[in-house]
Amino acid sequence: MSTKSLTATDGNQGLGLIQGLGLTIMLALVARQLATLPILNIMGSMVLAILLGIAWRSFMAVPETAEVGINYASKKILRYGIILMGLRLDIPEIVAAGPQVIILDALAIFLAMVVITFLGQKLGLNKKLATLIAAGTGICGAAAIAAVAPVVRSRDDETAVAVAIIALLGTLFTIIYTLLYPVINLTSYEYGLFSGSSLHELAHVIAAAQAGGSASTDIAILVKLGRVALLVPVALLLGIIFASRNKTGTGWNWCQLQVPWFIFGFLALSGLNTMSFLPVPLTATMIQGGVFLLTMAMAGLGLNVSLEMIKRVGTRGLVIGLVGSVVLSLTLLLVITSL
């Protein structure tokens, strides 16, 4: 290939990077504004960003050259966002809440992973998609799906569909929880435990827990962050499981394991936050930056999926996610009321 051809290719990639990143930034900004509106604020900016991305792909033209920037956002920028979100985690607070919180968190993740992957197997759903839905349900929504996706080597369309399913179910269950709070026999503290241990996204947890007051919201957030903390061991375990399934020959090489190194960055920043190493204003700014980067990444994921694809693979995934969420909610409700 001539030097002129190489220059032209590099130029196209540079233009595509600018186009794709510019589009994801624009969608992220729109999503952030929409998230301030009534009703839509329940969904959160990340959920809205992926829905906007899907809508844009379906109704507007996306330049082929822009795929470079879109893929950069949905992969690289996504990891940077996850690392920054480690600043939200204060490990001693989770430990101080006692074994009750850790047990609830572990039970929630175990139930979601077992029930949803089992249903996926029975209904013939793609194993990777079922695992992503299970992780999003049991751990922390879109962020968990984003963290687990490279570990299980899922395609962008599988990741986007899983996020869309969790977005829809999380919003639905948030509304249901809020409506049921006045009629279910739970104290404010118990309702916080229930919301924090069973809802999908942190935004969903906060929105639903507000019905129970400040005490409910505080414990709900703490319980939810406990589930976030368990993301690392779950992701590593899934990496081992999927690497062993993909092995060739009679042995298994550890080199087959795709280690999600960005998760260790997440833990490193959570350690800095725990030690109060960074000034509070800087920490708050970095967290907001992480949220925006994740919102850009979700827009990129949405731009990689079409409505036709959701119709093709989303129906069974939505049903499995719904059944799994119902089982999770009912089981945890019984456990909490019996404590």
C-alpha atoms as a PDB file:
ATOM      1  CA  MET A   1       0.000   0.000   0.000  1.00  0.00           C
ATOM      2  CA  SER A   2       1.350   3.441  -0.892  1.00  0.00           C
ATOM      3  CA  THR A   3       2.110   6.189   1.593  1.00  0.00           C
ATOM      4  CA  LYS A   4      -0.713   8.212   0.042  1.00  0.00           C
ATOM      5  CA  SER A   5      -3.192   5.384   0.669  1.00  0.00           C
ATOM      6  CA  LEU A   6      -2.038   5.006   4.260  1.00  0.00           C
ATOM      7  CA  THR A   7      -2.467   8.731   4.846  1.00  0.00           C
ATOM      8  CA  ALA A   8      -5.974   8.635   3.401  1.00  0.00           C
ATOM      9  CA  THR A   9      -6.891   5.671   5.625  1.00  0.00           C
ATOM     10  CA  ASP A  10      -5.512   7.391   8.723  1.00  0.00           C
ATOM     11  CA  GLY A  11      -7.425  10.521   7.776  1.00  0.00           C
ATOM     12  CA  ASN A  12     -10.679   8.586   7.457  1.00  0.00           C
ATOM     13  CA  GLN A  13     -10.114   6.944  10.832  1.00  0.00           C
ATOM     14  CA  GLY A  14      -9.399  10.301  12.434  1.00  0.00           C
ATOM     15  CA  LEU A  15     -12.536  11.798  10.910  1.00  0.00           C
ATOM     16  CA  GLY A  16     -14.540   8.761  11.942  1.00  0.00           C
ATOM     17  CA  LEU A  17     -13.243   9.004  15.496  1.00  0.00           C
ATOM     18  CA  ILE A  18     -14.340  12.644  15.687  1.00  0.00           C
ATOM     19  CA  GLN A  19     -17.728  11.890  14.100  1.00  0.00           C
ATOM     20  CA  GLY A  20     -18.475   8.923  16.346  1.00  0.00           C
ATOM     21  CA  LEU A  21     -17.308  10.534  19.576  1.00  0.00           C
ATOM     22  CA  GLY A  22     -19.119  13.749  18.668  1.00  0.00           C
ATOM     23  CA  LEU A  23     -22.355  11.840  18.169  1.00  0.00           C
ATOM     24  CA  THR A  24     -22.028   9.967  21.471  1.00  0.00           C
ATOM     25  CA  ILE A  25     -21.220  13.223  23.298  1.00  0.00           C
ATOM     26  CA  MET A  26     -24.283  14.886  21.786  1.00  0.00           C
ATOM     27  CA  LEU A  27     -26.559  11.987  22.744  1.00  0.00           C
ATOM     28  CA  ALA A  28     -25.051  11.885  26.246  1.00  0.00           C
ATOM     29  CA  LEU A  29     -25.755  15.606  26.720  1.00  0.00           C
ATOM     30  CA  VAL A  30     -29.338  15.189  25.518  1.00  0.00           C
ATOM     31  CA  ALA A  31     -29.806  12.164  27.799  1.00  0.00           C
ATOM     32  CA  ARG A  32     -28.475  14.131  30.756  1.00  0.00           C
ATOM     33  CA  GLN A  33     -30.985  16.913  30.129  1.00  0.00           C
ATOM     34  CA  LEU A  34     -33.865  14.472  29.637  1.00  0.00           C
ATOM     35  CA  ALA A  35     -32.955  12.766  32.908  1.00  0.00           C
ATOM     36  CA  THR A  36     -33.856  15.971  34.771  1.00  0.00           C
ATOM     37  CA  LEU A  37     -37.488  15.751  33.636  1.00  0.00           C
ATOM     38  CA  PRO A  38     -40.272  14.132  35.703  1.00  0.00           C
ATOM     39  CA  ILE A  39     -40.774  10.393  35.038  1.00  0.00           C
ATOM     40  CA  LEU A  40     -37.667  10.268  32.834  1.00  0.00           C
ATOM     41  CA  ASN A  41     -35.447  10.952  35.851  1.00  0.00           C
ATOM     42  CA  ILE A  42     -36.358   7.476  37.105  1.00  0.00           C
ATOM     43  CA  MET A  43     -34.620   5.950  34.096  1.00  0.00           C
ATOM     44  CA  GLY A  44     -31.393   7.916  34.507  1.00  0.00           C
ATOM     45  CA  SER A  45     -29.042   9.354  31.896  1.00  0.00           C
ATOM     46  CA  MET A  46     -27.331   6.041  31.012  1.00  0.00           C
ATOM     47  CA  VAL A  47     -30.603   4.280  30.295  1.00  0.00           C
ATOM     48  CA  LEU A  48     -31.858   7.207  28.244  1.00  0.00           C
ATOM     49  CA  ALA A  49     -28.577   7.369  26.311  1.00  0.00           C
ATOM     50  CA  ILE A  50     -28.817   3.822  25.053  1.00  0.00           C
ATOM     51  CA  LEU A  51     -32.465   4.310  24.091  1.00  0.00           C
ATOM     52  CA  LEU A  52     -31.517   7.506  22.246  1.00  0.00           C
ATOM     53  CA  GLY A  53     -28.723   5.630  20.483  1.00  0.00           C
ATOM     54  CA  ILE A  54     -31.120   2.909  19.367  1.00  0.00           C
ATOM     55  CA  ALA A  55     -33.610   5.527  18.163  1.00  0.00           C
ATOM     56  CA  TRP A  56     -30.901   7.423  16.258  1.00  0.00           C
ATOM     57  CA  ARG A  57     -29.697   4.263  14.527  1.00  0.00           C
ATOM     58  CA  SER A  58     -33.278   3.406  13.586  1.00  0.00           C
ATOM     59  CA  PHE A  59     -34.418   6.765  12.239  1.00  0.00           C
ATOM     60  CA  MET A  60     -31.296   8.749  11.316  1.00  0.00           C
ATOM     61  CA  ALA A  61     -28.321   8.044   9.089  1.00  0.00           C
ATOM     62  CA  VAL A  62     -25.060   7.053  10.793  1.00  0.00           C
ATOM     63  CA  PRO A  63     -21.972   7.601   8.574  1.00  0.00           C
ATOM     64  CA  GLU A  64     -20.015   4.414   8.062  1.00  0.00           C
ATOM     65  CA  THR A  65     -16.814   6.214   8.995  1.00  0.00           C
ATOM     66  CA  ALA A  66     -18.325   7.145  12.391  1.00  0.00           C
ATOM     67  CA  GLU A  67     -18.249   3.500  13.504  1.00  0.00           C
ATOM     68  CA  VAL A  68     -14.622   3.987  14.617  1.00  0.00           C
ATOM     69  CA  GLY A  69     -15.597   6.634  17.153  1.00  0.00           C
ATOM     70  CA  ILE A  70     -18.767   4.823  18.189  1.00  0.00           C
ATOM     71  CA  ASN A  71     -16.818   1.631  18.905  1.00  0.00           C
ATOM     72  CA  TYR A  72     -14.163   3.604  20.800  1.00  0.00           C
ATOM     73  CA  ALA A  73     -16.874   5.054  23.027  1.00  0.00           C
ATOM     74  CA  SER A  74     -18.611   1.721  23.628  1.00  0.00           C
ATOM     75  CA  LYS A  75     -15.350  -0.048  24.508  1.00  0.00           C
ATOM     76  CA  LYS A  76     -12.495   2.193  25.670  1.00  0.00           C
ATOM     77  CA  ILE A  77     -14.441   5.090  27.171  1.00  0.00           C
ATOM     78  CA  LEU A  78     -16.765   2.623  28.876  1.00  0.00           C
ATOM     79  CA  ARG A  79     -13.829   1.163  30.808  1.00  0.00           C
ATOM     80  CA  TYR A  80     -12.588   4.597  31.857  1.00  0.00           C
ATOM     81  CA  GLY A  81     -16.056   5.382  33.174  1.00  0.00           C
ATOM     82  CA  ILE A  82     -16.199   2.191  35.212  1.00  0.00           C
ATOM     83  CA  ILE A  83     -12.802   2.948  36.770  1.00  0.00           C
ATOM     84  CA  LEU A  84     -13.958   6.412  37.866  1.00  0.00           C
ATOM     85  CA  MET A  85     -17.125   4.980  39.389  1.00  0.00           C
ATOM     86  CA  GLY A  86     -14.931   3.204  41.943  1.00  0.00           C
ATOM     87  CA  LEU A  87     -14.835   6.542  43.765  1.00  0.00           C
ATOM     88  CA  ARG A  88     -18.440   5.976  44.843  1.00  0.00           C
ATOM     89  CA  LEU A  89     -17.512   2.933  46.874  1.00  0.00           C
ATOM     90  CA  ASP A  90     -16.545   3.140  50.561  1.00  0.00           C
ATOM     91  CA  ILE A  91     -15.585  -0.401  51.562  1.00  0.00           C
ATOM     92  CA  PRO A  92     -15.594   0.011  55.406  1.00  0.00           C
ATOM     93  CA  GLU A  93     -19.171   1.367  55.331  1.00  0.00           C
ATOM     94  CA  ILE A  94     -20.321  -1.818  53.635  1.00  0.00           C
ATOM     95  CA  VAL A  95     -18.437  -3.966  56.170  1.00  0.00           C
ATOM     96  CA  ALA A  96     -19.781  -1.908  59.111  1.00  0.00           C
ATOM     97  CA  ALA A  97     -23.367  -2.553  58.022  1.00  0.00           C
ATOM     98  CA  GLY A  98     -22.879  -6.127  59.194  1.00  0.00           C
ATOM     99  CA  PRO A  99     -23.173  -9.594  57.686  1.00  0.00           C
ATOM    100  CA  GLN A 100     -26.880  -9.089  56.983  1.00  0.00           C
ATOM    101  CA  VAL A 101     -26.136  -6.756  54.074  1.00  0.00           C
ATOM    102  CA  ILE A 102     -23.404  -8.974  52.614  1.00  0.00           C
ATOM    103  CA  ILE A 103     -25.655 -12.044  52.853  1.00  0.00           C
ATOM    104  CA  LEU A 104     -28.517 -10.230  51.111  1.00  0.00           C
ATOM    105  CA  ASP A 105     -26.175  -9.000  48.378  1.00  0.00           C
ATOM    106  CA  ALA A 106     -24.646 -12.437  47.824  1.00  0.00           C
ATOM    107  CA  LEU A 107     -28.099 -14.056  47.801  1.00  0.00           C
ATOM    108  CA  ALA A 108     -29.393 -11.528  45.246  1.00  0.00           C
ATOM    109  CA  ILE A 109     -26.493 -12.153  42.875  1.00  0.00           C
ATOM    110  CA  PHE A 110     -26.639 -15.934  43.322  1.00  0.00           C
ATOM    111  CA  LEU A 111     -30.390 -16.060  42.675  1.00  0.00           C
ATOM    112  CA  ALA A 112     -30.198 -13.845  39.603  1.00  0.00           C
ATOM    113  CA  MET A 113     -27.286 -15.738  38.063  1.00  0.00           C
ATOM    114  CA  VAL A 114     -28.780 -19.193  38.701  1.00  0.00           C
ATOM    115  CA  VAL A 115     -32.422 -18.473  37.837  1.00  0.00           C
ATOM    116  CA  ILE A 116     -31.833 -16.374  34.721  1.00  0.00           C
ATOM    117  CA  THR A 117     -29.088 -18.555  33.230  1.00  0.00           C
ATOM    118  CA  PHE A 118     -31.232 -21.646  33.924  1.00  0.00           C
ATOM    119  CA  LEU A 119     -34.261 -20.084  32.228  1.00  0.00           C
ATOM    120  CA  GLY A 120     -32.055 -18.967  29.347  1.00  0.00           C
ATOM    121  CA  GLN A 121     -30.830 -22.528  28.859  1.00  0.00           C
ATOM    122  CA  LYS A 122     -34.364 -23.922  28.934  1.00  0.00           C
ATOM    123  CA  LEU A 123     -35.701 -21.342  26.451  1.00  0.00           C
ATOM    124  CA  GLY A 124     -32.708 -21.559  24.134  1.00  0.00           C
ATOM    125  CA  LEU A 125     -31.383 -18.051  24.745  1.00  0.00           C
ATOM    126  CA  ASN A 126     -27.768 -17.288  23.863  1.00  0.00           C
ATOM    127  CA  LYS A 127     -25.630 -18.130  26.942  1.00  0.00           C
ATOM    128  CA  LYS A 128     -23.722 -14.871  26.772  1.00  0.00           C
ATOM    129  CA  LEU A 129     -26.886 -12.769  26.560  1.00  0.00           C
ATOM    130  CA  ALA A 130     -28.451 -14.709  29.449  1.00  0.00           C
ATOM    131  CA  THR A 131     -25.308 -14.129  31.541  1.00  0.00           C
ATOM    132  CA  LEU A 132     -25.363 -10.398  30.800  1.00  0.00           C
ATOM    133  CA  ILE A 133     -29.037 -10.126  31.782  1.00  0.00           C
ATOM    134  CA  ALA A 134     -28.324 -12.087  34.968  1.00  0.00           C
ATOM    135  CA  ALA A 135     -25.381  -9.823  35.861  1.00  0.00           C
ATOM    136  CA  GLY A 136     -27.417  -6.693  35.198  1.00  0.00           C
ATOM    137  CA  THR A 137     -30.267  -7.988  37.325  1.00  0.00           C
ATOM    138  CA  GLY A 138     -28.222  -9.302  40.221  1.00  0.00           C
ATOM    139  CA  ILE A 139     -25.368  -6.809  40.480  1.00  0.00           C
ATOM    140  CA  CYS A 140     -25.696  -3.256  39.180  1.00  0.00           C
ATOM    141  CA  GLY A 141     -27.523  -2.908  35.893  1.00  0.00           C
ATOM    142  CA  ALA A 142     -25.782  -1.409  32.880  1.00  0.00           C
ATOM    143  CA  ALA A 143     -22.442  -0.991  34.684  1.00  0.00           C
ATOM    144  CA  ALA A 144     -22.331  -4.716  35.538  1.00  0.00           C
ATOM    145  CA  ILE A 145     -23.256  -5.648  31.984  1.00  0.00           C
ATOM    146  CA  ALA A 146     -20.516  -3.351  30.714  1.00  0.00           C
ATOM    147  CA  ALA A 147     -17.968  -4.942  33.055  1.00  0.00           C
ATOM    148  CA  VAL A 148     -18.970  -8.534  32.338  1.00  0.00           C
ATOM    149  CA  ALA A 149     -19.307  -8.140  28.541  1.00  0.00           C
ATOM    150  CA  PRO A 150     -15.560  -8.299  27.729  1.00  0.00           C
ATOM    151  CA  VAL A 151     -15.113 -11.166  30.184  1.00  0.00           C
ATOM    152  CA  VAL A 152     -17.674 -13.381  28.415  1.00  0.00           C
ATOM    153  CA  ARG A 153     -16.649 -11.984  24.988  1.00  0.00           C
ATOM    154  CA  SER A 154     -20.134 -10.877  24.043  1.00  0.00           C
ATOM    155  CA  ARG A 155     -20.917  -8.942  20.872  1.00  0.00           C
ATOM    156  CA  ASP A 156     -21.951  -5.283  20.999  1.00  0.00           C
ATOM    157  CA  ASP A 157     -25.509  -6.130  19.974  1.00  0.00           C
ATOM    158  CA  GLU A 158     -25.819  -8.652  22.824  1.00  0.00           C
ATOM    159  CA  THR A 159     -24.494  -6.080  25.289  1.00  0.00           C
ATOM    160  CA  ALA A 160     -26.855  -3.384  24.009  1.00  0.00           C
ATOM    161  CA  VAL A 161     -29.889  -5.675  24.124  1.00  0.00           C
ATOM    162  CA  ALA A 162     -29.049  -6.736  27.687  1.00  0.00           C
ATOM    163  CA  VAL A 163     -28.743  -3.095  28.785  1.00  0.00           C
ATOM    164  CA  ALA A 164     -32.031  -2.208  27.073  1.00  0.00           C
ATOM    165  CA  ILE A 165     -33.815  -5.124  28.777  1.00  0.00           C
ATOM    166  CA  ILE A 166     -32.460  -4.162  32.207  1.00  0.00           C
ATOM    167  CA  ALA A 167     -33.411  -0.527  31.550  1.00  0.00           C
ATOM    168  CA  LEU A 168     -37.010  -1.438  30.799  1.00  0.00           C
ATOM    169  CA  LEU A 169     -37.352  -3.896  33.682  1.00  0.00           C
ATOM    170  CA  GLY A 170     -35.607  -1.641  36.183  1.00  0.00           C
ATOM    171  CA  THR A 171     -37.884   1.263  35.358  1.00  0.00           C
ATOM    172  CA  LEU A 172     -40.974  -0.949  35.509  1.00  0.00           C
ATOM    173  CA  PHE A 173     -40.026  -2.425  38.896  1.00  0.00           C
ATOM    174  CA  THR A 174     -39.139   1.012  40.289  1.00  0.00           C
ATOM    175  CA  ILE A 175     -42.679   2.199  39.563  1.00  0.00           C
ATOM    176  CA  ILE A 176     -44.181  -1.003  40.975  1.00  0.00           C
ATOM    177  CA  TYR A 177     -42.112  -0.771  44.190  1.00  0.00           C
ATOM    178  CA  THR A 178     -43.145   2.853  44.726  1.00  0.00           C
ATOM    179  CA  LEU A 179     -46.816   1.996  44.280  1.00  0.00           C
ATOM    180  CA  LEU A 180     -46.604  -1.068  46.545  1.00  0.00           C
ATOM    181  CA  TYR A 181     -44.732   0.572  49.442  1.00  0.00           C
ATOM    182  CA  PRO A 182     -47.882   1.955  51.140  1.00  0.00           C
ATOM    183  CA  VAL A 183     -49.563  -1.462  51.081  1.00  0.00           C
ATOM    184  CA  ILE A 184     -46.720  -3.867  51.892  1.00  0.00           C
ATOM    185  CA  ASN A 185     -45.988  -4.355  55.576  1.00  0.00           C
ATOM    186  CA  LEU A 186     -42.359  -3.167  55.671  1.00  0.00           C
ATOM    187  CA  THR A 187     -40.663  -0.637  57.906  1.00  0.00           C
ATOM    188  CA  SER A 188     -38.680   2.144  56.260  1.00  0.00           C
ATOM    189  CA  TYR A 189     -35.435   0.267  57.025  1.00  0.00           C
ATOM    190  CA  GLU A 190     -36.782  -3.027  55.651  1.00  0.00           C
ATOM    191  CA  TYR A 191     -38.027  -1.314  52.508  1.00  0.00           C
ATOM    192  CA  GLY A 192     -34.565   0.147  52.019  1.00  0.00           C
ATOM    193  CA  LEU A 193     -33.046  -3.336  52.354  1.00  0.00           C
ATOM    194  CA  PHE A 194     -35.585  -4.647  49.858  1.00  0.00           C
ATOM    195  CA  SER A 195     -35.014  -1.903  47.279  1.00  0.00           C
ATOM    196  CA  GLY A 196     -31.233  -1.959  47.576  1.00  0.00           C
ATOM    197  CA  SER A 197     -30.937  -5.723  47.293  1.00  0.00           C
ATOM    198  CA  SER A 198     -33.353  -6.347  44.425  1.00  0.00           C
ATOM    199  CA  LEU A 199     -33.549  -3.390  42.020  1.00  0.00           C
ATOM    200  CA  HIS A 200     -31.343  -3.189  38.968  1.00  0.00           C
ATOM    201  CA  GLU A 201     -29.635   0.221  38.656  1.00  0.00           C
ATOM    202  CA  LEU A 202     -28.434   2.533  41.423  1.00  0.00           C
ATOM    203  CA  ALA A 203     -30.752   5.188  39.952  1.00  0.00           C
ATOM    204  CA  HIS A 204     -33.681   2.769  40.271  1.00  0.00           C
ATOM    205  CA  VAL A 205     -32.742   2.008  43.883  1.00  0.00           C
ATOM    206  CA  ILE A 206     -32.565   5.682  44.852  1.00  0.00           C
ATOM    207  CA  ALA A 207     -35.819   6.538  43.068  1.00  0.00           C
ATOM    208  CA  ALA A 208     -37.777   3.693  44.657  1.00  0.00           C
ATOM    209  CA  ALA A 209     -36.258   4.015  48.148  1.00  0.00           C
ATOM    210  CA  GLN A 210     -37.255   7.686  48.394  1.00  0.00           C
ATOM    211  CA  ALA A 211     -40.811   6.528  49.045  1.00  0.00           C
ATOM    212  CA  GLY A 212     -39.609   5.222  52.428  1.00  0.00           C
ATOM    213  CA  GLY A 213     -37.826   8.410  53.478  1.00  0.00           C
ATOM    214  CA  SER A 214     -34.184   9.195  54.234  1.00  0.00           C
ATOM    215  CA  ALA A 215     -33.590   6.125  56.423  1.00  0.00           C
ATOM    216  CA  SER A 216     -34.809   3.907  53.633  1.00  0.00           C
ATOM    217  CA  THR A 217     -32.707   5.682  51.025  1.00  0.00           C
ATOM    218  CA  ASP A 218     -29.500   5.545  53.087  1.00  0.00           C
ATOM    219  CA  ILE A 219     -29.618   1.800  53.727  1.00  0.00           C
ATOM    220  CA  ALA A 220     -30.798   1.112  50.159  1.00  0.00           C
ATOM    221  CA  ILE A 221     -27.759   2.871  48.689  1.00  0.00           C
ATOM    222  CA  LEU A 222     -25.426   1.055  51.076  1.00  0.00           C
ATOM    223  CA  VAL A 223     -26.898  -2.338  50.175  1.00  0.00           C
ATOM    224  CA  LYS A 224     -26.701  -1.523  46.477  1.00  0.00           C
ATOM    225  CA  LEU A 225     -23.048  -0.508  46.738  1.00  0.00           C
ATOM    226  CA  GLY A 226     -22.404  -3.854  48.413  1.00  0.00           C
ATOM    227  CA  ARG A 227     -23.642  -5.538  45.257  1.00  0.00           C
ATOM    228  CA  VAL A 228     -21.375  -3.252  43.228  1.00  0.00           C
ATOM    229  CA  ALA A 229     -18.417  -4.356  45.373  1.00  0.00           C
ATOM    230  CA  LEU A 230     -19.130  -7.988  44.499  1.00  0.00           C
ATOM    231  CA  LEU A 231     -18.860  -7.174  40.798  1.00  0.00           C
ATOM    232  CA  VAL A 232     -15.115  -7.894  40.777  1.00  0.00           C
ATOM    233  CA  PRO A 233     -15.139 -11.489  42.133  1.00  0.00           C
ATOM    234  CA  VAL A 234     -18.225 -12.334  40.045  1.00  0.00           C
ATOM    235  CA  ALA A 235     -16.599 -10.994  36.867  1.00  0.00           C
ATOM    236  CA  LEU A 236     -13.399 -12.934  37.520  1.00  0.00           C
ATOM    237  CA  LEU A 237     -15.372 -16.124  38.227  1.00  0.00           C
ATOM    238  CA  LEU A 238     -17.344 -15.692  35.010  1.00  0.00           C
ATOM    239  CA  GLY A 239     -14.076 -15.164  33.151  1.00  0.00           C
ATOM    240  CA  ILE A 240     -12.767 -18.514  34.405  1.00  0.00           C
ATOM    241  CA  ILE A 241     -16.045 -20.293  33.584  1.00  0.00           C
ATOM    242  CA  PHE A 242     -16.284 -18.931  30.031  1.00  0.00           C
ATOM    243  CA  ALA A 243     -12.580 -19.445  29.338  1.00  0.00           C
ATOM    244  CA  SER A 244     -12.868 -23.087  30.415  1.00  0.00           C
ATOM    245  CA  ARG A 245     -15.898 -23.559  28.133  1.00  0.00           C
ATOM    246  CA  ASN A 246     -13.936 -22.157  25.192  1.00  0.00           C
ATOM    247  CA  LYS A 247     -10.846 -24.293  25.778  1.00  0.00           C
ATOM    248  CA  THR A 248      -9.393 -26.352  22.975  1.00  0.00           C
ATOM    249  CA  GLY A 249      -7.743 -29.730  23.345  1.00  0.00           C
ATOM    250  CA  THR A 250      -7.424 -31.553  26.654  1.00  0.00           C
ATOM    251  CA  GLY A 251      -5.940 -28.796  28.770  1.00  0.00           C
ATOM    252  CA  TRP A 252      -6.787 -25.252  29.709  1.00  0.00           C
ATOM    253  CA  ASN A 253      -4.324 -22.383  29.510  1.00  0.00           C
ATOM    254  CA  TRP A 254      -4.650 -19.439  31.891  1.00  0.00           C
ATOM    255  CA  CYS A 255      -3.781 -17.229  28.928  1.00  0.00           C
ATOM    256  CA  GLN A 256      -7.318 -17.894  27.689  1.00  0.00           C
ATOM    257  CA  LEU A 257      -8.699 -15.908  30.608  1.00  0.00           C
ATOM    258  CA  GLN A 258      -9.471 -12.308  29.644  1.00  0.00           C
ATOM    259  CA  VAL A 259      -8.719 -10.433  32.855  1.00  0.00           C
ATOM    260  CA  PRO A 260     -10.812  -7.244  33.128  1.00  0.00           C
ATOM    261  CA  TRP A 261      -7.897  -5.074  34.232  1.00  0.00           C
ATOM    262  CA  PHE A 262     -10.062  -1.959  34.364  1.00  0.00           C
ATOM    263  CA  ILE A 263     -11.931  -3.511  37.305  1.00  0.00           C
ATOM    264  CA  PHE A 264      -8.710  -3.365  39.323  1.00  0.00           C
ATOM    265  CA  GLY A 265      -8.614   0.338  38.500  1.00  0.00           C
ATOM    266  CA  PHE A 266     -12.143   0.501  39.903  1.00  0.00           C
ATOM    267  CA  LEU A 267     -10.913  -1.129  43.134  1.00  0.00           C
ATOM    268  CA  ALA A 268      -7.867   1.143  43.317  1.00  0.00           C
ATOM    269  CA  LEU A 269     -10.008   4.277  43.188  1.00  0.00           C
ATOM    270  CA  SER A 270     -12.424   2.815  45.738  1.00  0.00           C
ATOM    271  CA  GLY A 271      -9.399   2.361  47.999  1.00  0.00           C
ATOM    272  CA  LEU A 272      -8.419   6.001  47.517  1.00  0.00           C
ATOM    273  CA  ASN A 273     -11.976   7.026  48.361  1.00  0.00           C
ATOM    274  CA  THR A 274     -11.968   4.816  51.460  1.00  0.00           C
ATOM    275  CA  MET A 275      -8.757   6.488  52.680  1.00  0.00           C
ATOM    276  CA  SER A 276     -10.164   9.957  51.851  1.00  0.00           C
ATOM    277  CA  PHE A 277      -6.994  10.518  49.841  1.00  0.00           C
ATOM    278  CA  LEU A 278      -8.618  12.913  47.363  1.00  0.00           C
ATOM    279  CA  PRO A 279     -10.350  16.215  48.163  1.00  0.00           C
ATOM    280  CA  VAL A 280     -14.135  15.885  48.311  1.00  0.00           C
ATOM    281  CA  PRO A 281     -14.810  18.417  45.505  1.00  0.00           C
ATOM    282  CA  LEU A 282     -12.344  16.623  43.214  1.00  0.00           C
ATOM    283  CA  THR A 283     -13.907  13.250  44.020  1.00  0.00           C
ATOM    284  CA  ALA A 284     -17.388  14.592  43.254  1.00  0.00           C
ATOM    285  CA  THR A 285     -16.177  16.042  39.948  1.00  0.00           C
ATOM    286  CA  MET A 286     -14.480  12.779  38.949  1.00  0.00           C
ATOM    287  CA  ILE A 287     -17.611  10.792  39.791  1.00  0.00           C
ATOM    288  CA  GLN A 288     -19.686  13.104  37.606  1.00  0.00           C
ATOM    289  CA  GLY A 289     -17.096  12.678  34.879  1.00  0.00           C
ATOM    290  CA  GLY A 290     -17.366   8.912  35.205  1.00  0.00           C
ATOM    291  CA  VAL A 291     -21.142   9.085  34.916  1.00  0.00           C
ATOM    292  CA  PHE A 292     -20.822  11.158  31.737  1.00  0.00           C
ATOM    293  CA  LEU A 293     -18.248   8.782  30.220  1.00  0.00           C
ATOM    294  CA  LEU A 294     -20.549   5.836  30.940  1.00  0.00           C
ATOM    295  CA  THR A 295     -23.432   7.765  29.406  1.00  0.00           C
ATOM    296  CA  MET A 296     -21.339   8.281  26.258  1.00  0.00           C
ATOM    297  CA  ALA A 297     -20.504   4.567  26.242  1.00  0.00           C
ATOM    298  CA  MET A 298     -24.180   3.637  26.560  1.00  0.00           C
ATOM    299  CA  ALA A 299     -25.000   5.935  23.642  1.00  0.00           C
ATOM    300  CA  GLY A 300     -22.310   4.120  21.650  1.00  0.00           C
ATOM    301  CA  LEU A 301     -23.811   0.752  22.539  1.00  0.00           C
ATOM    302  CA  GLY A 302     -27.239   1.975  21.508  1.00  0.00           C
ATOM    303  CA  LEU A 303     -25.879   3.163  18.165  1.00  0.00           C
ATOM    304  CA  ASN A 304     -24.662  -0.382  17.520  1.00  0.00           C
ATOM    305  CA  VAL A 305     -28.127  -1.913  17.733  1.00  0.00           C
ATOM    306  CA  SER A 306     -31.291  -1.645  15.642  1.00  0.00           C
ATOM    307  CA  LEU A 307     -34.975  -2.156  16.427  1.00  0.00           C
ATOM    308  CA  GLU A 308     -34.973  -5.150  14.088  1.00  0.00           C
ATOM    309  CA  MET A 309     -32.264  -6.798  16.195  1.00  0.00           C
ATOM    310  CA  ILE A 310     -34.241  -6.207  19.403  1.00  0.00           C
ATOM    311  CA  LYS A 311     -37.306  -7.796  17.811  1.00  0.00           C
ATOM    312  CA  ARG A 312     -35.202 -10.770  16.780  1.00  0.00           C
ATOM    313  CA  VAL A 313     -33.453 -11.578  20.057  1.00  0.00           C
ATOM    314  CA  GLY A 314     -35.010  -9.333  22.694  1.00  0.00           C
ATOM    315  CA  THR A 315     -38.370 -11.021  23.289  1.00  0.00           C
ATOM    316  CA  ARG A 316     -37.087 -14.155  24.997  1.00  0.00           C
ATOM    317  CA  GLY A 317     -34.474 -12.146  26.856  1.00  0.00           C
ATOM    318  CA  LEU A 318     -37.123  -9.741  28.130  1.00  0.00           C
ATOM    319  CA  VAL A 319     -39.344 -12.597  29.344  1.00  0.00           C
ATOM    320  CA  ILE A 320     -36.425 -14.343  31.058  1.00  0.00           C
ATOM    321  CA  GLY A 321     -35.302 -11.101  32.690  1.00  0.00           C
ATOM    322  CA  LEU A 322     -38.852 -10.396  33.856  1.00  0.00           C
ATOM    323  CA  VAL A 323     -39.331 -13.839  35.400  1.00  0.00           C
ATOM    324  CA  GLY A 324     -35.891 -13.697  37.012  1.00  0.00           C
ATOM    325  CA  SER A 325     -36.609 -10.246  38.471  1.00  0.00           C
ATOM    326  CA  VAL A 326     -39.954 -11.395  39.883  1.00  0.00           C
ATOM    327  CA  VAL A 327     -38.342 -14.462  41.500  1.00  0.00           C
ATOM    328  CA  LEU A 328     -35.566 -12.271  42.931  1.00  0.00           C
ATOM    329  CA  SER A 329     -37.994  -9.698  44.353  1.00  0.00           C
ATOM    330  CA  LEU A 330     -40.367 -12.215  45.919  1.00  0.00           C
ATOM    331  CA  THR A 331     -37.570 -14.306  47.434  1.00  0.00           C
ATOM    332  CA  LEU A 332     -35.803 -11.306  48.966  1.00  0.00           C
ATOM    333  CA  LEU A 333     -39.119  -9.929  50.257  1.00  0.00           C
ATOM    334  CA  LEU A 334     -39.742 -13.220  52.081  1.00  0.00           C
ATOM    335  CA  VAL A 335     -36.212 -13.260  53.471  1.00  0.00           C
ATOM    336  CA  ILE A 336     -36.358  -9.655  54.716  1.00  0.00           C
ATOM    337  CA  THR A 337     -39.775 -10.072  56.380  1.00  0.00           C
ATOM    338  CA  SER A 338     -38.536 -13.176  58.171  1.00  0.00           C
ATOM    339  CA  LEU A 339     -35.386 -11.549  59.591  1.00  0.00           C
END
